[in-house]
């Protein structure tokens, strides 16, 4: 079961950008520079705030412009539902 999840996450990473408004921690951790702590911080922040753009990630402690520059092609921010 874990192997299937890893394969699915890998495939989504290869063929599509990680949507920072909907991605779960494991999917966020496929990004370069994101570990468990930062993935959790993103999800926690997202519960109170919607990311209107990828650049809004800099509002999360520990994530800066360099991270966004390194991962820009692999990030997206879907329309906020709230």
N, C-alpha and C. Protein backbone atom coordinates (compact mmCIF):
# COMPACT_ATOMS: atom_id res chain seq x y z
N UNK A 1 0.82 -1.19 0.00
CA UNK A 1 0.00 0.00 0.00
C UNK A 1 0.87 1.26 0.00
N UNK A 2 1.94 1.25 0.81
CA UNK A 2 2.83 2.41 0.86
C UNK A 2 3.51 2.63 -0.49
N UNK A 3 3.85 1.55 -1.14
CA UNK A 3 4.52 1.65 -2.44
C UNK A 3 3.59 2.32 -3.45
N UNK A 4 2.32 1.95 -3.42
CA UNK A 4 1.35 2.58 -4.32
C UNK A 4 1.25 4.08 -4.07
N UNK A 5 1.24 4.47 -2.80
CA UNK A 5 1.16 5.88 -2.46
C UNK A 5 2.38 6.63 -2.95
N UNK A 6 3.55 6.04 -2.79
CA UNK A 6 4.79 6.67 -3.24
C UNK A 6 4.80 6.82 -4.76
N UNK A 7 4.37 5.78 -5.45
CA UNK A 7 4.31 5.84 -6.91
C UNK A 7 3.33 6.91 -7.36
N UNK A 8 2.18 6.99 -6.73
CA UNK A 8 1.18 7.99 -7.09
C UNK A 8 1.69 9.40 -6.85
N UNK A 9 2.36 9.61 -5.72
CA UNK A 9 2.91 10.93 -5.44
C UNK A 9 4.00 11.29 -6.43
N UNK A 10 4.85 10.33 -6.74
CA UNK A 10 5.91 10.56 -7.71
C UNK A 10 5.36 10.91 -9.07
N UNK A 11 4.32 10.22 -9.48
CA UNK A 11 3.71 10.48 -10.79
C UNK A 11 3.08 11.87 -10.82
N UNK A 12 2.42 12.26 -9.73
CA UNK A 12 1.81 13.59 -9.71
C UNK A 12 2.89 14.67 -9.72
N UNK A 13 4.00 14.38 -9.08
CA UNK A 13 5.10 15.35 -9.06
C UNK A 13 5.72 15.50 -10.45
N UNK A 14 5.84 14.40 -11.17
CA UNK A 14 6.45 14.45 -12.50
C UNK A 14 5.54 15.12 -13.52
N UNK A 15 4.24 14.92 -13.39
CA UNK A 15 3.32 15.39 -14.43
C UNK A 15 2.53 16.63 -14.07
N UNK A 16 2.60 17.06 -12.84
CA UNK A 16 1.84 18.23 -12.45
C UNK A 16 2.45 18.92 -11.26
N UNK A 17 2.14 20.17 -11.12
CA UNK A 17 2.66 20.95 -10.01
C UNK A 17 1.92 20.60 -8.72
N UNK A 18 2.58 20.77 -7.62
CA UNK A 18 1.98 20.54 -6.31
C UNK A 18 1.13 21.77 -5.98
N UNK A 19 -0.15 21.55 -5.76
CA UNK A 19 -1.07 22.63 -5.43
C UNK A 19 -0.98 22.90 -3.93
N UNK A 20 -0.45 24.04 -3.57
CA UNK A 20 -0.21 24.34 -2.17
C UNK A 20 -1.50 24.57 -1.38
N UNK A 21 -2.63 24.72 -2.05
CA UNK A 21 -3.91 24.88 -1.36
C UNK A 21 -4.63 23.56 -1.11
N UNK A 22 -4.16 22.48 -1.70
CA UNK A 22 -4.84 21.20 -1.52
C UNK A 22 -3.92 20.04 -1.14
N UNK A 23 -2.61 20.20 -1.33
CA UNK A 23 -1.67 19.10 -1.12
C UNK A 23 -1.60 18.69 0.35
N UNK A 24 -1.47 17.39 0.55
CA UNK A 24 -1.25 16.85 1.89
C UNK A 24 0.24 16.91 2.19
N UNK A 25 0.60 16.65 3.44
CA UNK A 25 2.00 16.75 3.85
C UNK A 25 2.94 15.89 3.00
N UNK A 26 2.55 14.68 2.71
CA UNK A 26 3.43 13.78 1.94
C UNK A 26 3.69 14.33 0.55
N UNK A 27 2.69 14.92 -0.06
CA UNK A 27 2.89 15.50 -1.39
C UNK A 27 3.79 16.73 -1.31
N UNK A 28 3.60 17.55 -0.28
CA UNK A 28 4.45 18.72 -0.10
C UNK A 28 5.91 18.31 0.12
N UNK A 29 6.11 17.17 0.77
CA UNK A 29 7.47 16.71 1.06
C UNK A 29 8.19 16.23 -0.19
N UNK A 30 7.52 16.13 -1.32
CA UNK A 30 8.20 15.77 -2.57
C UNK A 30 8.95 16.97 -3.14
N UNK A 31 8.67 18.15 -2.61
CA UNK A 31 9.34 19.37 -3.07
C UNK A 31 10.73 19.47 -2.46
N UNK A 32 11.64 19.98 -3.23
CA UNK A 32 13.03 20.17 -2.79
C UNK A 32 13.06 21.18 -1.64
N UNK A 33 13.56 20.76 -0.50
CA UNK A 33 13.69 21.65 0.65
C UNK A 33 12.54 21.59 1.65
N UNK A 34 11.59 20.70 1.42
CA UNK A 34 10.46 20.57 2.34
C UNK A 34 10.53 19.22 3.05
N UNK A 35 10.66 19.28 4.35
CA UNK A 35 10.63 18.08 5.18
C UNK A 35 9.31 18.02 5.92
N UNK A 36 9.23 17.12 6.87
CA UNK A 36 7.99 16.93 7.62
C UNK A 36 7.56 18.19 8.37
N UNK A 37 8.51 18.87 9.01
CA UNK A 37 8.16 20.06 9.80
C UNK A 37 7.60 21.18 8.94
N UNK A 38 8.26 21.46 7.83
CA UNK A 38 7.78 22.53 6.95
C UNK A 38 6.47 22.16 6.28
N UNK A 39 6.31 20.89 5.92
CA UNK A 39 5.04 20.45 5.31
C UNK A 39 3.90 20.65 6.30
N UNK A 40 4.13 20.29 7.55
CA UNK A 40 3.12 20.49 8.58
C UNK A 40 2.84 21.96 8.79
N UNK A 41 3.87 22.79 8.75
CA UNK A 41 3.70 24.24 8.92
C UNK A 41 2.85 24.82 7.79
N UNK A 42 3.06 24.33 6.57
CA UNK A 42 2.27 24.80 5.43
C UNK A 42 0.80 24.44 5.60
N UNK A 43 0.54 23.20 5.97
CA UNK A 43 -0.85 22.74 6.15
C UNK A 43 -1.51 23.49 7.30
N UNK A 44 -0.79 23.71 8.39
CA UNK A 44 -1.33 24.44 9.54
C UNK A 44 -1.66 25.88 9.15
N UNK A 45 -0.75 26.53 8.44
CA UNK A 45 -0.99 27.90 7.99
C UNK A 45 -2.20 27.95 7.07
N UNK A 46 -2.29 26.96 6.17
CA UNK A 46 -3.36 26.92 5.18
C UNK A 46 -4.74 26.77 5.81
N UNK A 47 -4.82 26.18 6.99
CA UNK A 47 -6.12 26.01 7.67
C UNK A 47 -6.74 27.36 8.02
N UNK A 48 -5.90 28.38 8.22
CA UNK A 48 -6.41 29.71 8.57
C UNK A 48 -6.34 30.71 7.42
N UNK A 49 -5.43 30.46 6.48
CA UNK A 49 -5.20 31.40 5.37
C UNK A 49 -5.15 30.63 4.06
N UNK A 50 -5.68 31.22 3.03
CA UNK A 50 -5.59 30.62 1.70
C UNK A 50 -4.41 31.24 0.97
N UNK A 51 -3.68 30.42 0.24
CA UNK A 51 -2.57 30.92 -0.57
C UNK A 51 -3.15 31.45 -1.89
N UNK A 52 -3.10 32.75 -2.09
CA UNK A 52 -3.62 33.33 -3.33
C UNK A 52 -2.63 33.19 -4.47
N UNK A 53 -1.35 33.04 -4.12
CA UNK A 53 -0.32 32.79 -5.12
C UNK A 53 0.79 31.97 -4.48
N UNK A 54 1.64 31.43 -5.30
CA UNK A 54 2.77 30.64 -4.81
C UNK A 54 3.66 31.49 -3.92
N UNK A 55 3.78 32.76 -4.23
CA UNK A 55 4.64 33.65 -3.43
C UNK A 55 4.14 33.83 -2.00
N UNK A 56 2.88 33.55 -1.74
CA UNK A 56 2.33 33.65 -0.39
C UNK A 56 2.96 32.62 0.56
N UNK A 57 3.64 31.63 0.02
CA UNK A 57 4.32 30.64 0.86
C UNK A 57 5.35 31.28 1.77
N UNK A 58 5.86 32.45 1.39
CA UNK A 58 6.85 33.12 2.24
C UNK A 58 6.25 33.57 3.57
N UNK A 59 4.94 33.52 3.70
CA UNK A 59 4.28 33.84 4.97
C UNK A 59 4.45 32.72 5.99
N UNK A 60 4.84 31.54 5.53
CA UNK A 60 5.05 30.40 6.41
C UNK A 60 6.48 30.46 6.94
N UNK A 61 6.63 30.39 8.26
CA UNK A 61 7.95 30.47 8.88
C UNK A 61 8.88 29.41 8.30
N UNK A 62 10.07 29.83 7.89
CA UNK A 62 11.07 28.90 7.37
C UNK A 62 11.07 28.76 5.86
N UNK A 63 10.14 29.42 5.20
CA UNK A 63 10.09 29.35 3.73
C UNK A 63 10.34 30.74 3.17
N UNK A 64 11.34 30.82 2.31
CA UNK A 64 11.72 32.10 1.75
C UNK A 64 11.65 32.12 0.24
N UNK A 65 12.06 33.24 -0.31
CA UNK A 65 12.02 33.44 -1.76
C UNK A 65 12.91 32.44 -2.49
N UNK A 66 14.03 32.05 -1.90
CA UNK A 66 14.93 31.09 -2.54
C UNK A 66 14.23 29.75 -2.76
N UNK A 67 13.46 29.31 -1.77
CA UNK A 67 12.71 28.06 -1.91
C UNK A 67 11.75 28.17 -3.10
N UNK A 68 11.04 29.27 -3.18
CA UNK A 68 10.07 29.46 -4.27
C UNK A 68 10.79 29.48 -5.61
N UNK A 69 11.91 30.17 -5.69
CA UNK A 69 12.68 30.20 -6.94
C UNK A 69 13.13 28.80 -7.36
N UNK A 70 13.56 27.99 -6.39
CA UNK A 70 14.04 26.64 -6.68
C UNK A 70 12.93 25.69 -7.09
N UNK A 71 11.69 25.97 -6.69
CA UNK A 71 10.58 25.05 -6.92
C UNK A 71 9.45 25.63 -7.76
N UNK A 72 9.62 26.81 -8.30
CA UNK A 72 8.54 27.52 -9.00
C UNK A 72 7.82 26.66 -10.05
N UNK A 73 8.58 25.87 -10.80
CA UNK A 73 7.97 25.04 -11.86
C UNK A 73 7.10 23.93 -11.27
N UNK A 74 7.34 23.58 -10.02
CA UNK A 74 6.63 22.46 -9.40
C UNK A 74 5.55 22.91 -8.43
N UNK A 75 5.24 24.20 -8.41
CA UNK A 75 4.24 24.73 -7.48
C UNK A 75 3.08 25.37 -8.22
N UNK A 76 1.91 25.26 -7.61
CA UNK A 76 0.74 25.99 -8.10
C UNK A 76 -0.14 26.33 -6.91
N UNK A 77 -1.01 27.30 -7.09
CA UNK A 77 -1.95 27.68 -6.05
C UNK A 77 -3.33 27.79 -6.69
N UNK A 78 -4.19 26.81 -6.37
CA UNK A 78 -5.54 26.83 -6.93
C UNK A 78 -6.33 27.97 -6.30
N UNK A 79 -7.45 28.28 -6.94
CA UNK A 79 -8.30 29.35 -6.46
C UNK A 79 -8.79 29.05 -5.05
N UNK A 80 -8.81 30.05 -4.22
CA UNK A 80 -9.28 29.89 -2.85
C UNK A 80 -10.77 29.62 -2.83
N UNK A 81 -11.19 28.70 -1.99
CA UNK A 81 -12.59 28.32 -1.92
C UNK A 81 -13.36 29.07 -0.84
N UNK A 82 -12.66 29.77 0.02
CA UNK A 82 -13.32 30.48 1.12
C UNK A 82 -13.73 31.87 0.71
